[in-house]
Amino acid sequence: RTQLNNSLSLSPEEVTDLITSGAPYVIRFMWPLDTVVQFNDLIRGRIQ
């Protein structure tokens, strides 16, 4: 993601200019590195 065309690789000024100029974009969730999600499903039990 840091090598792609997004606000992580662009400067704040570049991001502002792109948004102001009407450039199409999406907003992505930044999944944290080395994260393990654990949850309990009422039917399937513990899932990781």
ModelCIF file with pLDDT and N, C-alpha, C, O atoms, coordinates in Angstrom:
data_MODEL
#
_entry.id   MODEL 
#
_entity.id                         1 
_entity.type                       polymer 
_entity.pdbx_number_of_molecules   1 
#
_entity_poly.entity_id                      1 
_entity_poly.type                           'polypeptide(L)' 
_entity_poly.nstd_linkage                   no 
_entity_poly.nstd_monomer                   no 
_entity_poly.pdbx_seq_one_letter_code       RTQLNNSLSLSPEEVTDLITSGAPYVIRFMWPLDTVVQFNDLIRGRIQ 
_entity_poly.pdbx_seq_one_letter_code_can   RTQLNNSLSLSPEEVTDLITSGAPYVIRFMWPLDTVVQFNDLIRGRIQ 
_entity_poly.pdbx_strand_id                 A 
#
loop_
_entity_poly_seq.entity_id 
_entity_poly_seq.num 
_entity_poly_seq.mon_id 
_entity_poly_seq.hetero 
1 1  ARG n 
1 2  THR n 
1 3  GLN n 
1 4  LEU n 
1 5  ASN n 
1 6  ASN n 
1 7  SER n 
1 8  LEU n 
1 9  SER n 
1 10 LEU n 
1 11 SER n 
1 12 PRO n 
1 13 GLU n 
1 14 GLU n 
1 15 VAL n 
1 16 THR n 
1 17 ASP n 
1 18 LEU n 
1 19 ILE n 
1 20 THR n 
1 21 SER n 
1 22 GLY n 
1 23 ALA n 
1 24 PRO n 
1 25 TYR n 
1 26 VAL n 
1 27 ILE n 
1 28 ARG n 
1 29 PHE n 
1 30 MET n 
1 31 TRP n 
1 32 PRO n 
1 33 LEU n 
1 34 ASP n 
1 35 THR n 
1 36 VAL n 
1 37 VAL n 
1 38 GLN n 
1 39 PHE n 
1 40 ASN n 
1 41 ASP n 
1 42 LEU n 
1 43 ILE n 
1 44 ARG n 
1 45 GLY n 
1 46 ARG n 
1 47 ILE n 
1 48 GLN n 
#
_struct_asym.id          A 
_struct_asym.entity_id   1 
#
loop_
_ma_qa_metric.id 
_ma_qa_metric.mode 
_ma_qa_metric.name 
_ma_qa_metric.software_group_id 
_ma_qa_metric.type 
1 global pLDDT . pLDDT 
2 local  pLDDT . pLDDT 
#
_ma_qa_metric_global.metric_id      1 
_ma_qa_metric_global.metric_value   94.33 
_ma_qa_metric_global.model_id       1 
_ma_qa_metric_global.ordinal_id     1 
#
loop_
_ma_qa_metric_local.label_asym_id 
_ma_qa_metric_local.label_comp_id 
_ma_qa_metric_local.label_seq_id 
_ma_qa_metric_local.metric_id 
_ma_qa_metric_local.metric_value 
_ma_qa_metric_local.model_id 
_ma_qa_metric_local.ordinal_id 
A ARG 1  2 94.00 1 1  
A THR 2  2 94.00 1 2  
A GLN 3  2 92.00 1 3  
A LEU 4  2 95.00 1 4  
A ASN 5  2 96.00 1 5  
A ASN 6  2 97.00 1 6  
A SER 7  2 97.00 1 7  
A LEU 8  2 96.00 1 8  
A SER 9  2 96.00 1 9  
A LEU 10 2 96.00 1 10 
A SER 11 2 96.00 1 11 
A PRO 12 2 95.00 1 12 
A GLU 13 2 96.00 1 13 
A GLU 14 2 96.00 1 14 
A VAL 15 2 96.00 1 15 
A THR 16 2 96.00 1 16 
A ASP 17 2 97.00 1 17 
A LEU 18 2 96.00 1 18 
A ILE 19 2 94.00 1 19 
A THR 20 2 94.00 1 20 
A SER 21 2 95.00 1 21 
A GLY 22 2 93.00 1 22 
A ALA 23 2 94.00 1 23 
A PRO 24 2 95.00 1 24 
A TYR 25 2 96.00 1 25 
A VAL 26 2 97.00 1 26 
A ILE 27 2 97.00 1 27 
A ARG 28 2 98.00 1 28 
A PHE 29 2 97.00 1 29 
A MET 30 2 96.00 1 30 
A TRP 31 2 94.00 1 31 
A PRO 32 2 92.00 1 32 
A LEU 33 2 91.00 1 33 
A ASP 34 2 90.00 1 34 
A THR 35 2 91.00 1 35 
A VAL 36 2 91.00 1 36 
A VAL 37 2 90.00 1 37 
A GLN 38 2 90.00 1 38 
A PHE 39 2 89.00 1 39 
A ASN 40 2 91.00 1 40 
A ASP 41 2 94.00 1 41 
A LEU 42 2 96.00 1 42 
A ILE 43 2 96.00 1 43 
A ARG 44 2 94.00 1 44 
A GLY 45 2 94.00 1 45 
A ARG 46 2 94.00 1 46 
A ILE 47 2 92.00 1 47 
A GLN 48 2 92.00 1 48 
#
loop_
_atom_site.group_PDB 
_atom_site.id 
_atom_site.type_symbol 
_atom_site.label_atom_id 
_atom_site.label_alt_id 
_atom_site.label_comp_id 
_atom_site.label_asym_id 
_atom_site.label_entity_id 
_atom_site.label_seq_id 
_atom_site.pdbx_PDB_ins_code 
_atom_site.Cartn_x 
_atom_site.Cartn_y 
_atom_site.Cartn_z 
_atom_site.occupancy 
_atom_site.B_iso_or_equiv 
_atom_site.pdbx_formal_charge 
_atom_site.auth_seq_id 
_atom_site.auth_comp_id 
_atom_site.auth_asym_id 
_atom_site.auth_atom_id 
_atom_site.pdbx_PDB_model_num 
ATOM 1   N N  . ARG A 1 1  ? 0.801   -1.214  0.000  1.00 94.00 ? 1  ARG A N  1 
ATOM 2   C CA . ARG A 1 1  ? 0.000   0.000   0.000  1.00 94.00 ? 1  ARG A CA 1 
ATOM 3   C C  . ARG A 1 1  ? 0.844   1.280   0.000  1.00 94.00 ? 1  ARG A C  1 
ATOM 4   O O  . ARG A 1 1  ? 0.400   2.304   -0.518 1.00 94.00 ? 1  ARG A O  1 
ATOM 5   N N  . THR A 1 2  ? 2.029   1.240   0.560  1.00 94.00 ? 2  THR A N  1 
ATOM 6   C CA . THR A 1 2  ? 2.848   2.463   0.575  1.00 94.00 ? 2  THR A CA 1 
ATOM 7   C C  . THR A 1 2  ? 3.508   2.735   -0.774 1.00 94.00 ? 2  THR A C  1 
ATOM 8   O O  . THR A 1 2  ? 4.081   3.805   -0.974 1.00 94.00 ? 2  THR A O  1 
ATOM 9   N N  . GLN A 1 3  ? 3.435   1.774   -1.708 1.00 92.00 ? 3  GLN A N  1 
ATOM 10  C CA . GLN A 1 3  ? 3.986   1.990   -3.042 1.00 92.00 ? 3  GLN A CA 1 
ATOM 11  C C  . GLN A 1 3  ? 2.901   2.298   -4.077 1.00 92.00 ? 3  GLN A C  1 
ATOM 12  O O  . GLN A 1 3  ? 3.194   2.475   -5.259 1.00 92.00 ? 3  GLN A O  1 
ATOM 13  N N  . LEU A 1 4  ? 1.652   2.360   -3.624 1.00 95.00 ? 4  LEU A N  1 
ATOM 14  C CA . LEU A 1 4  ? 0.546   2.589   -4.553 1.00 95.00 ? 4  LEU A CA 1 
ATOM 15  C C  . LEU A 1 4  ? 0.080   4.039   -4.461 1.00 95.00 ? 4  LEU A C  1 
ATOM 16  O O  . LEU A 1 4  ? 0.579   4.822   -3.653 1.00 95.00 ? 4  LEU A O  1 
ATOM 17  N N  . ASN A 1 5  ? -0.886  4.372   -5.305 1.00 96.00 ? 5  ASN A N  1 
ATOM 18  C CA . ASN A 1 5  ? -1.313  5.765   -5.465 1.00 96.00 ? 5  ASN A CA 1 
ATOM 19  C C  . ASN A 1 5  ? -2.351  6.130   -4.399 1.00 96.00 ? 5  ASN A C  1 
ATOM 20  O O  . ASN A 1 5  ? -3.549  6.147   -4.680 1.00 96.00 ? 5  ASN A O  1 
ATOM 21  N N  . ASN A 1 6  ? -1.898  6.417   -3.192 1.00 97.00 ? 6  ASN A N  1 
ATOM 22  C CA . ASN A 1 6  ? -2.814  6.715   -2.095 1.00 97.00 ? 6  ASN A CA 1 
ATOM 23  C C  . ASN A 1 6  ? -2.206  7.723   -1.128 1.00 97.00 ? 6  ASN A C  1 
ATOM 24  O O  . ASN A 1 6  ? -1.071  8.161   -1.312 1.00 97.00 ? 6  ASN A O  1 
ATOM 25  N N  . SER A 1 7  ? -2.947  8.080   -0.120 1.00 97.00 ? 7  SER A N  1 
ATOM 26  C CA . SER A 1 7  ? -2.493  9.121   0.812  1.00 97.00 ? 7  SER A CA 1 
ATOM 27  C C  . SER A 1 7  ? -1.369  8.651   1.715  1.00 97.00 ? 7  SER A C  1 
ATOM 28  O O  . SER A 1 7  ? -0.812  9.453   2.465  1.00 97.00 ? 7  SER A O  1 
ATOM 29  N N  . LEU A 1 8  ? -1.024  7.383   1.665  1.00 96.00 ? 8  LEU A N  1 
ATOM 30  C CA . LEU A 1 8  ? 0.122   6.892   2.430  1.00 96.00 ? 8  LEU A CA 1 
ATOM 31  C C  . LEU A 1 8  ? 1.436   7.155   1.696  1.00 96.00 ? 8  LEU A C  1 
ATOM 32  O O  . LEU A 1 8  ? 2.497   7.265   2.311  1.00 96.00 ? 8  LEU A O  1 
ATOM 33  N N  . SER A 1 9  ? 1.343   7.254   0.367  1.00 96.00 ? 9  SER A N  1 
ATOM 34  C CA . SER A 1 9  ? 2.555   7.482   -0.434 1.00 96.00 ? 9  SER A CA 1 
ATOM 35  C C  . SER A 1 9  ? 2.640   8.917   -0.955 1.00 96.00 ? 9  SER A C  1 
ATOM 36  O O  . SER A 1 9  ? 3.701   9.356   -1.399 1.00 96.00 ? 9  SER A O  1 
ATOM 37  N N  . LEU A 1 10 ? 1.523   9.647   -0.900 1.00 96.00 ? 10 LEU A N  1 
ATOM 38  C CA . LEU A 1 10 ? 1.491   11.033  -1.378 1.00 96.00 ? 10 LEU A CA 1 
ATOM 39  C C  . LEU A 1 10 ? 1.604   11.996  -0.196 1.00 96.00 ? 10 LEU A C  1 
ATOM 40  O O  . LEU A 1 10 ? 1.324   11.635  0.947  1.00 96.00 ? 10 LEU A O  1 
ATOM 41  N N  . SER A 1 11 ? 2.019   13.217  -0.494 1.00 96.00 ? 11 SER A N  1 
ATOM 42  C CA . SER A 1 11 ? 2.089   14.245  0.554  1.00 96.00 ? 11 SER A CA 1 
ATOM 43  C C  . SER A 1 11 ? 0.689   14.758  0.850  1.00 96.00 ? 11 SER A C  1 
ATOM 44  O O  . SER A 1 11 ? -0.208  14.617  0.018  1.00 96.00 ? 11 SER A O  1 
ATOM 45  N N  . PRO A 1 12 ? 0.489   15.350  2.020  1.00 95.00 ? 12 PRO A N  1 
ATOM 46  C CA . PRO A 1 12 ? -0.827  15.908  2.350  1.00 95.00 ? 12 PRO A CA 1 
ATOM 47  C C  . PRO A 1 12 ? -1.292  16.932  1.323  1.00 95.00 ? 12 PRO A C  1 
ATOM 48  O O  . PRO A 1 12 ? -2.482  17.022  1.019  1.00 95.00 ? 12 PRO A O  1 
ATOM 49  N N  . GLU A 1 13 ? -0.343  17.707  0.790  1.00 96.00 ? 13 GLU A N  1 
ATOM 50  C CA . GLU A 1 13 ? -0.702  18.720  -0.212 1.00 96.00 ? 13 GLU A CA 1 
ATOM 51  C C  . GLU A 1 13 ? -1.196  18.053  -1.491 1.00 96.00 ? 13 GLU A C  1 
ATOM 52  O O  . GLU A 1 13 ? -2.166  18.507  -2.099 1.00 96.00 ? 13 GLU A O  1 
ATOM 53  N N  . GLU A 1 14 ? -0.532  16.983  -1.896 1.00 96.00 ? 14 GLU A N  1 
ATOM 54  C CA . GLU A 1 14 ? -0.950  16.269  -3.113 1.00 96.00 ? 14 GLU A CA 1 
ATOM 55  C C  . GLU A 1 14 ? -2.343  15.657  -2.929 1.00 96.00 ? 14 GLU A C  1 
ATOM 56  O O  . GLU A 1 14 ? -3.167  15.674  -3.844 1.00 96.00 ? 14 GLU A O  1 
ATOM 57  N N  . VAL A 1 15 ? -2.585  15.130  -1.759 1.00 96.00 ? 15 VAL A N  1 
ATOM 58  C CA . VAL A 1 15 ? -3.891  14.532  -1.483 1.00 96.00 ? 15 VAL A CA 1 
ATOM 59  C C  . VAL A 1 15 ? -4.982  15.593  -1.544 1.00 96.00 ? 15 VAL A C  1 
ATOM 60  O O  . VAL A 1 15 ? -6.043  15.380  -2.132 1.00 96.00 ? 15 VAL A O  1 
ATOM 61  N N  . THR A 1 16 ? -4.702  16.745  -0.923 1.00 96.00 ? 16 THR A N  1 
ATOM 62  C CA . THR A 1 16 ? -5.680  17.836  -0.932 1.00 96.00 ? 16 THR A CA 1 
ATOM 63  C C  . THR A 1 16 ? -5.958  18.317  -2.340 1.00 96.00 ? 16 THR A C  1 
ATOM 64  O O  . THR A 1 16 ? -7.110  18.550  -2.709 1.00 96.00 ? 16 THR A O  1 
ATOM 65  N N  . ASP A 1 17 ? -4.903  18.466  -3.129 1.00 97.00 ? 17 ASP A N  1 
ATOM 66  C CA . ASP A 1 17 ? -5.065  18.926  -4.513 1.00 97.00 ? 17 ASP A CA 1 
ATOM 67  C C  . ASP A 1 17 ? -5.898  17.941  -5.329 1.00 97.00 ? 17 ASP A C  1 
ATOM 68  O O  . ASP A 1 17 ? -6.761  18.349  -6.106 1.00 97.00 ? 17 ASP A O  1 
ATOM 69  N N  . LEU A 1 18 ? -5.646  16.674  -5.156 1.00 96.00 ? 18 LEU A N  1 
ATOM 70  C CA . LEU A 1 18 ? -6.395  15.659  -5.909 1.00 96.00 ? 18 LEU A CA 1 
ATOM 71  C C  . LEU A 1 18 ? -7.877  15.691  -5.534 1.00 96.00 ? 18 LEU A C  1 
ATOM 72  O O  . LEU A 1 18 ? -8.740  15.629  -6.409 1.00 96.00 ? 18 LEU A O  1 
ATOM 73  N N  . ILE A 1 19 ? -8.168  15.784  -4.258 1.00 94.00 ? 19 ILE A N  1 
ATOM 74  C CA . ILE A 1 19 ? -9.568  15.808  -3.816 1.00 94.00 ? 19 ILE A CA 1 
ATOM 75  C C  . ILE A 1 19 ? -10.250 17.080  -4.308 1.00 94.00 ? 19 ILE A C  1 
ATOM 76  O O  . ILE A 1 19 ? -11.385 17.045  -4.784 1.00 94.00 ? 19 ILE A O  1 
ATOM 77  N N  . THR A 1 20 ? -9.543  18.207  -4.187 1.00 94.00 ? 20 THR A N  1 
ATOM 78  C CA . THR A 1 20 ? -10.106 19.493  -4.614 1.00 94.00 ? 20 THR A CA 1 
ATOM 79  C C  . THR A 1 20 ? -10.376 19.515  -6.112 1.00 94.00 ? 20 THR A C  1 
ATOM 80  O O  . THR A 1 20 ? -11.357 20.105  -6.564 1.00 94.00 ? 20 THR A O  1 
ATOM 81  N N  . SER A 1 21 ? -9.510  18.875  -6.872 1.00 95.00 ? 21 SER A N  1 
ATOM 82  C CA . SER A 1 21 ? -9.669  18.870  -8.335 1.00 95.00 ? 21 SER A CA 1 
ATOM 83  C C  . SER A 1 21 ? -10.745 17.895  -8.808 1.00 95.00 ? 21 SER A C  1 
ATOM 84  O O  . SER A 1 21 ? -11.052 17.839  -9.998 1.00 95.00 ? 21 SER A O  1 
ATOM 85  N N  . GLY A 1 22 ? -11.320 17.124  -7.875 1.00 93.00 ? 22 GLY A N  1 
ATOM 86  C CA . GLY A 1 22 ? -12.379 16.179  -8.251 1.00 93.00 ? 22 GLY A CA 1 
ATOM 87  C C  . GLY A 1 22 ? -11.875 14.841  -8.731 1.00 93.00 ? 22 GLY A C  1 
ATOM 88  O O  . GLY A 1 22 ? -12.619 14.099  -9.372 1.00 93.00 ? 22 GLY A O  1 
ATOM 89  N N  . ALA A 1 23 ? -10.626 14.511  -8.439 1.00 94.00 ? 23 ALA A N  1 
ATOM 90  C CA . ALA A 1 23 ? -10.079 13.217  -8.840 1.00 94.00 ? 23 ALA A CA 1 
ATOM 91  C C  . ALA A 1 23 ? -10.857 12.092  -8.142 1.00 94.00 ? 23 ALA A C  1 
ATOM 92  O O  . ALA A 1 23 ? -11.136 12.186  -6.947 1.00 94.00 ? 23 ALA A O  1 
ATOM 93  N N  . PRO A 1 24 ? -11.201 11.051  -8.865 1.00 95.00 ? 24 PRO A N  1 
ATOM 94  C CA . PRO A 1 24 ? -11.941 9.942   -8.234 1.00 95.00 ? 24 PRO A CA 1 
ATOM 95  C C  . PRO A 1 24 ? -11.070 9.225   -7.204 1.00 95.00 ? 24 PRO A C  1 
ATOM 96  O O  . PRO A 1 24 ? -9.861  9.085   -7.386 1.00 95.00 ? 24 PRO A O  1 
ATOM 97  N N  . TYR A 1 25 ? -11.693 8.779   -6.137 1.00 96.00 ? 25 TYR A N  1 
ATOM 98  C CA . TYR A 1 25 ? -10.954 8.090   -5.092 1.00 96.00 ? 25 TYR A CA 1 
ATOM 99  C C  . TYR A 1 25 ? -11.886 7.150   -4.340 1.00 96.00 ? 25 TYR A C  1 
ATOM 100 O O  . TYR A 1 25 ? -13.109 7.214   -4.467 1.00 96.00 ? 25 TYR A O  1 
ATOM 101 N N  . VAL A 1 26 ? -11.284 6.296   -3.572 1.00 97.00 ? 26 VAL A N  1 
ATOM 102 C CA . VAL A 1 26 ? -12.012 5.510   -2.584 1.00 97.00 ? 26 VAL A CA 1 
ATOM 103 C C  . VAL A 1 26 ? -11.280 5.666   -1.267 1.00 97.00 ? 26 VAL A C  1 
ATOM 104 O O  . VAL A 1 26 ? -10.128 6.101   -1.236 1.00 97.00 ? 26 VAL A O  1 
ATOM 105 N N  . ILE A 1 27 ? -11.939 5.316   -0.191 1.00 97.00 ? 27 ILE A N  1 
ATOM 106 C CA . ILE A 1 27 ? -11.288 5.311   1.113  1.00 97.00 ? 27 ILE A CA 1 
ATOM 107 C C  . ILE A 1 27 ? -11.221 3.875   1.586  1.00 97.00 ? 27 ILE A C  1 
ATOM 108 O O  . ILE A 1 27 ? -12.236 3.184   1.681  1.00 97.00 ? 27 ILE A O  1 
ATOM 109 N N  . ARG A 1 28 ? -10.003 3.438   1.882  1.00 98.00 ? 28 ARG A N  1 
ATOM 110 C CA . ARG A 1 28 ? -9.766  2.058   2.281  1.00 98.00 ? 28 ARG A CA 1 
ATOM 111 C C  . ARG A 1 28 ? -9.478  1.946   3.779  1.00 98.00 ? 28 ARG A C  1 
ATOM 112 O O  . ARG A 1 28 ? -8.923  2.855   4.397  1.00 98.00 ? 28 ARG A O  1 
ATOM 113 N N  . PHE A 1 29 ? -9.869  0.818   4.331  1.00 97.00 ? 29 PHE A N  1 
ATOM 114 C CA . PHE A 1 29 ? -9.534  0.507   5.716  1.00 97.00 ? 29 PHE A CA 1 
ATOM 115 C C  . PHE A 1 29 ? -8.064  0.094   5.792  1.00 97.00 ? 29 PHE A C  1 
ATOM 116 O O  . PHE A 1 29 ? -7.615  -0.706  4.972  1.00 97.00 ? 29 PHE A O  1 
ATOM 117 N N  . MET A 1 30 ? -7.320  0.609   6.737  1.00 96.00 ? 30 MET A N  1 
ATOM 118 C CA . MET A 1 30 ? -5.924  0.245   6.874  1.00 96.00 ? 30 MET A CA 1 
ATOM 119 C C  . MET A 1 30 ? -5.796  -0.878  7.903  1.00 96.00 ? 30 MET A C  1 
ATOM 120 O O  . MET A 1 30 ? -5.785  -0.662  9.115  1.00 96.00 ? 30 MET A O  1 
ATOM 121 N N  . TRP A 1 31 ? -5.702  -2.088  7.351  1.00 94.00 ? 31 TRP A N  1 
ATOM 122 C CA . TRP A 1 31 ? -5.627  -3.245  8.236  1.00 94.00 ? 31 TRP A CA 1 
ATOM 123 C C  . TRP A 1 31 ? -4.273  -3.247  8.941  1.00 94.00 ? 31 TRP A C  1 
ATOM 124 O O  . TRP A 1 31 ? -3.235  -3.182  8.282  1.00 94.00 ? 31 TRP A O  1 
ATOM 125 N N  . PRO A 1 32 ? -4.273  -3.322  10.286 1.00 92.00 ? 32 PRO A N  1 
ATOM 126 C CA . PRO A 1 32 ? -3.009  -3.283  11.038 1.00 92.00 ? 32 PRO A CA 1 
ATOM 127 C C  . PRO A 1 32 ? -2.194  -4.564  10.855 1.00 92.00 ? 32 PRO A C  1 
ATOM 128 O O  . PRO A 1 32 ? -2.741  -5.666  10.805 1.00 92.00 ? 32 PRO A O  1 
ATOM 129 N N  . LEU A 1 33 ? -0.916  -4.398  10.761 1.00 91.00 ? 33 LEU A N  1 
ATOM 130 C CA . LEU A 1 33 ? -0.007  -5.521  10.542 1.00 91.00 ? 33 LEU A CA 1 
ATOM 131 C C  . LEU A 1 33 ? 0.015   -6.451  11.761 1.00 91.00 ? 33 LEU A C  1 
ATOM 132 O O  . LEU A 1 33 ? -0.063  -6.013  12.909 1.00 91.00 ? 33 LEU A O  1 
ATOM 133 N N  . ASP A 1 34 ? 0.124   -7.745  11.468 1.00 90.00 ? 34 ASP A N  1 
ATOM 134 C CA . ASP A 1 34 ? 0.259   -8.784  12.498 1.00 90.00 ? 34 ASP A CA 1 
ATOM 135 C C  . ASP A 1 34 ? -0.887  -8.758  13.514 1.00 90.00 ? 34 ASP A C  1 
ATOM 136 O O  . ASP A 1 34 ? -0.681  -8.901  14.719 1.00 90.00 ? 34 ASP A O  1 
ATOM 137 N N  . THR A 1 35 ? -2.087  -8.574  12.990 1.00 91.00 ? 35 THR A N  1 
ATOM 138 C CA . THR A 1 35 ? -3.264  -8.560  13.855 1.00 91.00 ? 35 THR A CA 1 
ATOM 139 C C  . THR A 1 35 ? -4.019  -9.884  13.734 1.00 91.00 ? 35 THR A C  1 
ATOM 140 O O  . THR A 1 35 ? -4.286  -10.361 12.631 1.00 91.00 ? 35 THR A O  1 
ATOM 141 N N  . VAL A 1 36 ? -4.350  -10.455 14.861 1.00 91.00 ? 36 VAL A N  1 
ATOM 142 C CA . VAL A 1 36 ? -5.165  -11.669 14.898 1.00 91.00 ? 36 VAL A CA 1 
ATOM 143 C C  . VAL A 1 36 ? -6.516  -11.311 15.514 1.00 91.00 ? 36 VAL A C  1 
ATOM 144 O O  . VAL A 1 36 ? -6.582  -10.813 16.638 1.00 91.00 ? 36 VAL A O  1 
ATOM 145 N N  . VAL A 1 37 ? -7.580  -11.565 14.778 1.00 90.00 ? 37 VAL A N  1 
ATOM 146 C CA . VAL A 1 37 ? -8.925  -11.244 15.254 1.00 90.00 ? 37 VAL A CA 1 
ATOM 147 C C  . VAL A 1 37 ? -9.569  -12.519 15.775 1.00 90.00 ? 37 VAL A C  1 
ATOM 148 O O  . VAL A 1 37 ? -9.628  -13.529 15.074 1.00 90.00 ? 37 VAL A O  1 
ATOM 149 N N  . GLN A 1 38 ? -10.046 -12.464 16.994 1.00 90.00 ? 38 GLN A N  1 
ATOM 150 C CA . GLN A 1 38 ? -10.741 -13.600 17.584 1.00 90.00 ? 38 GLN A CA 1 
ATOM 151 C C  . GLN A 1 38 ? -12.155 -13.175 17.950 1.00 90.00 ? 38 GLN A C  1 
ATOM 152 O O  . GLN A 1 38 ? -12.379 -12.088 18.484 1.00 90.00 ? 38 GLN A O  1 
ATOM 153 N N  . PHE A 1 39 ? -13.084 -14.040 17.657 1.00 89.00 ? 39 PHE A N  1 
ATOM 154 C CA . PHE A 1 39 ? -14.469 -13.717 17.986 1.00 89.00 ? 39 PHE A CA 1 
ATOM 155 C C  . PHE A 1 39 ? -15.247 -15.004 18.176 1.00 89.00 ? 39 PHE A C  1 
ATOM 156 O O  . PHE A 1 39 ? -14.824 -16.080 17.755 1.00 89.00 ? 39 PHE A O  1 
ATOM 157 N N  . ASN A 1 40 ? -16.396 -14.866 18.821 1.00 91.00 ? 40 ASN A N  1 
ATOM 158 C CA . ASN A 1 40 ? -17.248 -16.021 19.089 1.00 91.00 ? 40 ASN A CA 1 
ATOM 159 C C  . ASN A 1 40 ? -18.524 -15.902 18.282 1.00 91.00 ? 40 ASN A C  1 
ATOM 160 O O  . ASN A 1 40 ? -19.237 -14.902 18.367 1.00 91.00 ? 40 ASN A O  1 
ATOM 161 N N  . ASP A 1 41 ? -18.801 -16.921 17.505 1.00 94.00 ? 41 ASP A N  1 
ATOM 162 C CA . ASP A 1 41 ? -20.039 -16.978 16.742 1.00 94.00 ? 41 ASP A CA 1 
ATOM 163 C C  . ASP A 1 41 ? -21.028 -17.866 17.503 1.00 94.00 ? 41 ASP A C  1 
ATOM 164 O O  . ASP A 1 41 ? -20.671 -18.958 17.944 1.00 94.00 ? 41 ASP A O  1 
ATOM 165 N N  . LEU A 1 42 ? -22.251 -17.402 17.654 1.00 96.00 ? 42 LEU A N  1 
ATOM 166 C CA . LEU A 1 42 ? -23.238 -18.128 18.456 1.00 96.00 ? 42 LEU A CA 1 
ATOM 167 C C  . LEU A 1 42 ? -23.588 -19.486 17.874 1.00 96.00 ? 42 LEU A C  1 
ATOM 168 O O  . LEU A 1 42 ? -24.131 -20.340 18.575 1.00 96.00 ? 42 LEU A O  1 
ATOM 169 N N  . ILE A 1 43 ? -23.282 -19.697 16.592 1.00 96.00 ? 43 ILE A N  1 
ATOM 170 C CA . ILE A 1 43 ? -23.551 -20.986 15.946 1.00 96.00 ? 43 ILE A CA 1 
ATOM 171 C C  . ILE A 1 43 ? -22.268 -21.779 15.761 1.00 96.00 ? 43 ILE A C  1 
ATOM 172 O O  . ILE A 1 43 ? -22.255 -22.993 15.963 1.00 96.00 ? 43 ILE A O  1 
ATOM 173 N N  . ARG A 1 44 ? -21.191 -21.109 15.379 1.00 94.00 ? 44 ARG A N  1 
ATOM 174 C CA . ARG A 1 44 ? -19.960 -21.795 14.991 1.00 94.00 ? 44 ARG A CA 1 
ATOM 175 C C  . ARG A 1 44 ? -18.882 -21.807 16.061 1.00 94.00 ? 44 ARG A C  1 
ATOM 176 O O  . ARG A 1 44 ? -17.843 -22.445 15.894 1.00 94.00 ? 44 ARG A O  1 
ATOM 177 N N  . GLY A 1 45 ? -19.124 -21.110 17.151 1.00 94.00 ? 45 GLY A N  1 
ATOM 178 C CA . GLY A 1 45 ? -18.149 -21.117 18.235 1.00 94.00 ? 45 GLY A CA 1 
ATOM 179 C C  . GLY A 1 45 ? -16.990 -20.156 18.003 1.00 94.00 ? 45 GLY A C  1 
ATOM 180 O O  . GLY A 1 45 ? -17.136 -19.137 17.328 1.00 94.00 ? 45 GLY A O  1 
ATOM 181 N N  . ARG A 1 46 ? -15.848 -20.494 18.569 1.00 94.00 ? 46 ARG A N  1 
ATOM 182 C CA . ARG A 1 46 ? -14.671 -19.610 18.527 1.00 94.00 ? 46 ARG A CA 1 
ATOM 183 C C  . ARG A 1 46 ? -14.025 -19.640 17.143 1.00 94.00 ? 46 ARG A C  1 
ATOM 184 O O  . ARG A 1 46 ? -13.778 -20.709 16.585 1.00 94.00 ? 46 ARG A O  1 
ATOM 185 N N  . ILE A 1 47 ? -13.757 -18.455 16.597 1.00 92.00 ? 47 ILE A N  1 
ATOM 186 C CA . ILE A 1 47 ? -13.135 -18.327 15.286 1.00 92.00 ? 47 ILE A CA 1 
ATOM 187 C C  . ILE A 1 47 ? -11.951 -17.375 15.408 1.00 92.00 ? 47 ILE A C  1 
ATOM 188 O O  . ILE A 1 47 ? -12.021 -16.370 16.116 1.00 92.00 ? 47 ILE A O  1 
ATOM 189 N N  . GLN A 1 48 ? -10.872 -17.695 14.718 1.00 92.00 ? 48 GLN A N  1 
ATOM 190 C CA . GLN A 1 48 ? -9.665  -16.868 14.743 1.00 92.00 ? 48 GLN A CA 1 
ATOM 191 C C  . GLN A 1 48 ? -9.190  -16.607 13.320 1.00 92.00 ? 48 GLN A C  1 
ATOM 192 O O  . GLN A 1 48 ? -8.184  -15.928 13.120 1.00 92.00 ? 48 GLN A O  1 
#
